[in-house]
Protein backbone atom coordinates (compact mmCIF):
# COMPACT_ATOMS: atom_id res chain seq x y z
CA UNK A 1 84.78 165.66 107.77
CA UNK A 2 86.14 166.78 111.18
CA UNK A 3 84.12 165.24 114.00
CA UNK A 4 85.98 166.90 116.87
CA UNK A 5 88.99 169.02 117.82
CA UNK A 6 92.24 168.24 119.64
CA UNK A 7 90.91 170.19 122.61
CA UNK A 8 87.84 167.94 122.72
CA UNK A 9 90.05 164.85 122.60
CA UNK A 10 92.05 166.18 125.53
CA UNK A 11 88.87 166.76 127.55
CA UNK A 12 87.58 163.30 126.63
CA UNK A 13 90.86 161.74 127.78
CA UNK A 14 90.59 163.54 131.12
CA UNK A 15 87.07 162.15 131.52
CA UNK A 16 87.98 158.59 130.51
CA UNK A 17 91.31 158.00 132.22
CA UNK A 18 89.99 157.69 135.80
CA UNK A 19 87.92 154.74 134.52
CA UNK A 20 90.14 153.52 131.68
CA UNK A 21 93.85 154.21 132.21
CA UNK A 22 95.88 154.62 129.00
CA UNK A 23 96.43 151.19 127.50
CA UNK A 24 99.96 150.06 126.58
CA UNK A 25 101.51 149.92 123.14
CA UNK A 26 104.13 147.18 122.86
CA UNK A 27 106.48 146.21 120.05
CA UNK A 28 106.65 142.41 120.25
CA UNK A 29 109.91 140.91 118.90
CA UNK A 30 108.33 137.66 117.71
CA UNK A 31 105.74 139.54 115.68
CA UNK A 32 108.53 141.49 114.01
CA UNK A 33 110.44 138.28 113.31
CA UNK A 34 107.33 136.69 111.83
CA UNK A 35 106.28 139.62 109.64
CA UNK A 36 109.48 141.46 108.79
CA UNK A 37 107.77 144.61 110.09
CA UNK A 38 108.25 146.34 113.46
CA UNK A 39 104.77 145.75 114.86
CA UNK A 40 103.35 148.01 117.58
CA UNK A 41 100.28 146.48 119.22
CA UNK A 42 97.81 148.90 120.80
CA UNK A 43 96.42 146.78 123.64
CA UNK A 44 92.77 147.79 123.89
CA UNK A 45 92.23 144.31 125.30
CA UNK A 46 93.62 145.78 128.55
CA UNK A 47 90.61 148.00 129.38
CA UNK A 48 88.22 147.24 132.27
CA UNK A 49 85.81 145.51 129.86
CA UNK A 50 88.48 143.96 127.65
CA UNK A 51 87.70 146.12 124.61
CA UNK A 52 88.09 149.64 123.20
CA UNK A 53 84.37 150.43 123.12
CA UNK A 54 84.25 151.30 126.82
CA UNK A 55 85.70 154.71 126.00
CA UNK A 56 82.77 155.74 123.80
CA UNK A 57 79.94 155.05 126.20
CA UNK A 58 81.41 157.25 128.92
CA UNK A 59 81.83 160.22 126.57
CA UNK A 60 78.37 159.73 125.05
CA UNK A 61 76.62 159.71 128.44
CA UNK A 62 78.71 162.62 129.70
CA UNK A 63 77.65 164.68 126.69
CA UNK A 64 73.98 163.98 127.41
CA UNK A 65 74.47 164.82 131.08
CA UNK A 66 76.25 168.13 130.35
CA UNK A 67 73.44 169.05 127.94
CA UNK A 68 70.88 168.46 130.67
CA UNK A 69 69.42 165.61 128.62
CA UNK A 70 70.31 162.56 130.70
CA UNK A 71 67.43 160.15 129.96
CA UNK A 72 65.55 157.91 132.36
CA UNK A 73 67.03 154.87 130.62
CA UNK A 74 69.00 153.66 127.62
CA UNK A 75 68.43 151.04 124.94
CA UNK A 76 70.95 149.79 122.43
CA UNK A 77 71.78 146.74 120.33
CA UNK A 78 75.11 144.97 120.33
CA UNK A 79 77.12 141.82 119.79
CA UNK A 80 78.82 142.58 123.10
CA UNK A 81 81.56 145.19 123.42
CA UNK A 82 79.39 148.23 122.63
CA UNK A 83 76.84 146.84 125.08
CA UNK A 84 79.42 146.56 127.84
CA UNK A 85 80.42 150.15 127.18
CA UNK A 86 76.84 151.41 127.46
CA UNK A 87 76.10 149.23 130.50
CA UNK A 88 79.18 150.52 132.34
CA UNK A 89 78.41 154.15 131.49
CA UNK A 90 74.74 153.76 132.49
CA UNK A 91 75.78 152.22 135.80
CA UNK A 92 78.11 155.15 136.47
CA UNK A 93 75.37 157.71 135.69
CA UNK A 94 72.77 155.78 137.70
CA UNK A 95 70.28 154.96 134.95
CA UNK A 96 69.07 151.58 133.62
CA UNK A 97 70.31 150.09 130.36
CA UNK A 98 68.47 147.63 128.14
CA UNK A 99 70.71 145.75 125.73
CA UNK A 100 69.27 143.81 122.78
CA UNK A 101 71.47 140.97 121.56
CA UNK A 102 70.80 138.55 118.70
CA UNK A 103 69.89 134.95 119.32
CA UNK A 104 73.00 132.81 119.72
CA UNK A 105 75.14 135.73 120.87
CA UNK A 106 78.34 135.14 122.87
CA UNK A 107 77.38 133.68 126.24
CA UNK A 108 80.35 135.21 127.98
CA UNK A 109 79.77 138.68 126.53
CA UNK A 110 76.14 138.39 127.59
CA UNK A 111 77.22 137.50 131.12
CA UNK A 112 79.61 140.46 131.21
CA UNK A 113 76.85 142.90 130.24
CA UNK A 114 74.53 141.49 132.88
CA UNK A 115 77.37 141.74 135.38
CA UNK A 116 77.45 145.48 134.69
CA UNK A 117 73.76 145.74 135.55
CA UNK A 118 72.21 145.66 132.06
CA UNK A 119 68.87 144.07 131.26
CA UNK A 120 69.43 141.77 128.29
CA UNK A 121 66.77 141.03 125.68
CA UNK A 122 67.51 138.24 123.22
CA UNK A 123 65.87 139.09 119.91
CA UNK A 124 66.81 139.13 116.23
CA UNK A 125 68.78 136.77 114.01
CA UNK A 126 71.72 139.18 113.78
CA UNK A 127 72.91 142.59 114.95
CA UNK A 128 70.98 144.55 112.34
CA UNK A 129 67.67 142.89 113.28
CA UNK A 130 68.45 143.48 116.96
CA UNK A 131 69.05 147.15 116.18
CA UNK A 132 65.55 147.52 114.71
CA UNK A 133 64.04 145.78 117.74
CA UNK A 134 65.99 148.06 120.10
CA UNK A 135 64.47 151.11 118.41
CA UNK A 136 60.97 149.76 119.05
CA UNK A 137 61.76 149.04 122.70
CA UNK A 138 63.12 152.55 123.17
CA UNK A 139 59.86 153.97 121.86
CA UNK A 140 57.75 151.69 124.07
CA UNK A 141 59.65 152.55 127.25
CA UNK A 142 60.43 156.17 126.38
CA UNK A 143 64.14 155.38 126.75
CA UNK A 144 66.97 156.94 124.81
CA UNK A 145 68.24 154.84 121.89
CA UNK A 146 72.04 154.74 121.65
CA UNK A 147 73.10 154.30 118.02
CA UNK A 148 76.06 152.13 116.98
CA UNK A 149 77.76 155.18 115.45
CA UNK A 150 77.70 158.74 116.78
CA UNK A 151 80.28 161.58 116.92
CA UNK A 152 80.43 161.34 120.74
CA UNK A 153 81.14 157.60 120.55
CA UNK A 154 83.86 158.27 117.98
CA UNK A 155 85.35 161.00 120.17
CA UNK A 156 85.55 158.58 123.07
CA UNK A 157 87.27 155.78 121.18
CA UNK A 158 89.55 158.28 119.41
CA UNK A 159 91.35 158.68 122.73
CA UNK A 160 93.07 155.34 122.04
CA UNK A 161 94.29 156.74 118.72
CA UNK A 162 95.66 159.79 120.52
CA UNK A 163 97.50 157.51 122.95
CA UNK A 164 98.90 155.39 120.11
CA UNK A 165 100.17 158.31 118.05
CA UNK A 166 101.64 159.92 121.20
CA UNK A 167 103.43 156.70 122.16
CA UNK A 168 104.84 155.79 118.74
CA UNK A 169 106.24 158.19 116.16
CA UNK A 170 106.55 157.68 112.42
CA UNK A 171 104.15 154.81 111.91
CA UNK A 172 103.94 153.89 108.24
CA UNK A 173 100.53 152.25 108.62
CA UNK A 174 97.88 151.34 111.16
CA UNK A 175 95.49 148.43 110.61
CA UNK A 176 92.08 148.47 112.32
CA UNK A 177 88.98 146.27 112.12
CA UNK A 178 85.67 147.74 110.99
CA UNK A 179 82.40 146.88 112.69
CA UNK A 180 80.12 149.92 112.54
CA UNK A 181 83.07 152.25 112.04
CA UNK A 182 83.73 154.18 115.27
CA UNK A 183 87.24 152.85 115.85
CA UNK A 184 88.65 153.46 112.39
CA UNK A 185 86.89 156.83 112.11
CA UNK A 186 88.53 157.87 115.38
CA UNK A 187 91.92 156.82 114.01
CA UNK A 188 91.42 158.69 110.75
CA UNK A 189 90.25 161.88 112.47
CA UNK A 190 93.08 161.77 115.00
CA UNK A 191 95.67 161.15 112.29
CA UNK A 192 94.38 164.13 110.33
CA UNK A 193 94.23 166.44 113.37
CA UNK A 194 97.87 165.63 114.13
CA UNK A 195 98.91 166.16 110.50
CA UNK A 196 100.45 162.70 110.18
CA UNK A 197 101.10 160.80 106.95
CA UNK A 198 100.34 157.36 108.41
CA UNK A 199 98.25 155.11 106.15
CA UNK A 200 95.15 153.68 107.79
CA UNK A 201 93.88 150.37 106.45
CA UNK A 202 90.53 148.88 107.38
CA UNK A 203 89.95 145.16 107.64
CA UNK A 204 86.71 143.22 107.44
CA UNK A 205 85.74 139.57 107.34
CA UNK A 206 85.21 138.09 103.89
CA UNK A 207 81.96 136.67 105.29
CA UNK A 208 80.84 140.19 106.32
CA UNK A 209 82.15 142.36 103.48
CA UNK A 210 79.57 145.15 103.49
CA UNK A 211 81.99 147.98 104.30
CA UNK A 212 84.52 146.75 101.75
CA UNK A 213 81.83 146.55 99.06
CA UNK A 214 80.54 149.98 100.06
CA UNK A 215 84.04 151.48 99.98
CA UNK A 216 84.50 150.28 96.40
CA UNK A 217 81.01 151.30 95.29
CA UNK A 218 81.10 154.76 96.86
CA UNK A 219 77.75 154.22 98.56
CA UNK A 220 76.32 151.95 101.27
CA UNK A 221 75.97 148.38 99.99
CA UNK A 222 74.21 145.96 102.31
CA UNK A 223 74.62 142.20 102.35
CA UNK A 224 72.01 139.53 103.09
CA UNK A 225 74.09 138.09 105.93
CA UNK A 226 77.25 138.69 107.97
CA UNK A 227 78.05 135.22 109.25
CA UNK A 228 81.53 135.46 110.75
CA UNK A 229 82.80 134.20 114.08
CA UNK A 230 84.47 137.63 114.38
CA UNK A 231 81.25 139.08 115.77
CA UNK A 232 82.67 142.57 116.25
CA UNK A 233 82.84 142.89 112.45
CA UNK A 234 79.47 141.26 111.69
CA UNK A 235 77.90 144.26 109.93
CA UNK A 236 75.59 143.88 106.93
CA UNK A 237 74.10 147.41 106.86
CA UNK A 238 76.81 150.12 106.70
CA UNK A 239 75.78 153.64 107.62
CA UNK A 240 76.57 156.61 105.33
CA UNK A 241 78.38 158.80 107.88
CA UNK A 242 81.19 156.38 108.81
CA UNK A 243 81.45 155.26 105.20
CA UNK A 244 82.11 158.84 104.05
CA UNK A 245 84.88 159.25 106.63
CA UNK A 246 86.45 155.89 105.78
CA UNK A 247 86.35 156.54 102.03
CA UNK A 248 87.97 159.93 102.51
CA UNK A 249 90.64 158.81 104.97
CA UNK A 250 91.44 155.10 104.66
CA UNK A 251 93.93 153.85 102.09
CA UNK A 252 91.88 150.72 101.44
CA UNK A 253 89.79 147.99 103.06
CA UNK A 254 90.96 144.41 102.82
CA UNK A 255 88.90 141.27 103.30
CA UNK A 256 90.04 138.38 105.49
CA UNK A 257 89.01 134.75 105.51
CA UNK A 258 87.85 133.11 108.71
CA UNK A 259 91.04 131.03 108.60
CA UNK A 260 93.25 134.14 108.39
CA UNK A 261 91.51 135.65 111.41
CA UNK A 262 91.85 132.40 113.35
CA UNK A 263 95.55 132.16 112.55
CA UNK A 264 96.10 135.72 113.82
CA UNK A 265 94.45 134.79 117.13
CA UNK A 266 96.81 131.81 117.40
CA UNK A 267 99.78 134.04 116.58
CA UNK A 268 98.83 136.55 119.26
CA UNK A 269 98.72 133.78 121.82
CA UNK A 270 101.96 132.12 120.68
CA UNK A 271 103.98 135.31 120.23
CA UNK A 272 102.60 137.54 123.01
CA UNK A 273 100.39 135.35 125.22
CA UNK A 274 97.54 137.81 124.74
CA UNK A 275 93.99 136.66 124.00
CA UNK A 276 92.30 138.25 121.00
CA UNK A 277 88.67 137.92 119.95
CA UNK A 278 87.91 137.69 116.24
CA UNK A 279 87.81 141.41 115.52
CA UNK A 280 90.74 141.85 117.90
CA UNK A 281 92.90 139.55 115.79
CA UNK A 282 91.78 140.97 112.45
CA UNK A 283 94.18 143.93 112.30
CA UNK A 284 97.18 141.65 112.77
CA UNK A 285 95.77 139.30 110.13
CA UNK A 286 95.55 142.26 107.75
CA UNK A 287 99.15 143.26 108.37
CA UNK A 288 100.38 139.70 107.86
CA UNK A 289 98.42 139.48 104.61
CA UNK A 290 100.12 142.66 103.36
CA UNK A 291 103.49 142.33 105.10
CA UNK A 292 105.47 142.62 101.87
CA UNK A 293 104.14 146.18 101.43
CA UNK A 294 105.83 147.38 104.62
CA UNK A 295 108.91 145.15 104.95
CA UNK A 296 111.35 146.84 107.33
CA UNK A 297 108.77 149.48 108.21
CA UNK A 298 106.76 150.40 111.29
CA UNK A 299 103.14 149.28 111.62
CA UNK A 300 100.48 149.68 114.27
CA UNK A 301 97.76 147.12 114.83
CA UNK A 302 94.77 147.62 117.11
CA UNK A 303 94.02 144.64 119.34
CA UNK A 304 90.50 145.90 119.86
CA UNK A 305 89.30 143.28 122.32
CA UNK A 306 89.84 139.94 124.04
CA UNK A 307 86.23 138.92 124.62
CA UNK A 308 86.08 135.53 122.92
CA UNK A 309 84.16 132.65 124.46
CA UNK A 310 86.28 129.82 125.84
CA UNK A 311 84.90 127.17 123.46
CA UNK A 312 85.79 128.87 120.16
CA UNK A 313 89.09 130.03 121.63
CA UNK A 314 89.98 126.45 122.52
CA UNK A 315 88.99 125.35 119.02
CA UNK A 316 91.21 128.01 117.47
CA UNK A 317 94.21 127.06 119.61
CA UNK A 318 93.71 123.44 118.54
CA UNK A 319 93.95 124.49 114.88
CA UNK A 320 90.21 124.57 114.11
CA UNK A 321 88.41 127.62 112.69
CA UNK A 322 85.00 128.13 114.37
CA UNK A 323 82.00 127.58 112.14
């Protein structure tokens, strides 16, 4: 399934780069020493909101605006990074944004969304419940509902994949976390458009394995819960469209324990002095888990975001895995 063309990626990059300059890709020597693999880190933690999602919201709103369909307001659900993206885009286009977050959501991500002008509503026990509540609010207010996965969102975040593949040639593999699927679908589509042979491997939390189970089953398989501190991967209701793209284009999906994700966050800080949130550390955790597959090779890992609250980050640095 081809979601967009190279020409569309180029236009999206032109739109995004005044707001989100191209993020760096660094090969960190200590990561290579630790893994036996030359590791190229795509630093999406260096965007204005500290995460890759910001790219998607701008492209999504621009598409509505160019179609003459800019709504009077937006509603969406999030655990944080998607919400920051939509809040920033809404602020730029001069319309209000209502963001529904689950109870107990990251305090610091909540504050960041409010700082971008969003109205936050705290409702639902997890992301998937919040998503259903957001749909009802959109209907009540006659606002536009922004889904967690959409071709325009994928096009926006695919610009980081274009930057990565332009910066680094001959990657054997790229590891990427899976939340609702936009990031990895952008990577897969970009890889295919460029005619590259790079393997793409998805990673999920063992405590939120819905996409891994769905990948194996060949159909969406939901889970009763998705209780992981890596909130960017806390999906229990995979959607068919991203699943089809991932099954067609990803080599595999691997599951990570909470401890493996925590250790990757510690490694990022020790070896690069970068902060990674749970989903941000997951790609590196996946590479480390499979390092024997690519010994002496060249691997990319997507550090998708740095938006972790100070308390769990301090716990992780002290050797404790957040509950």
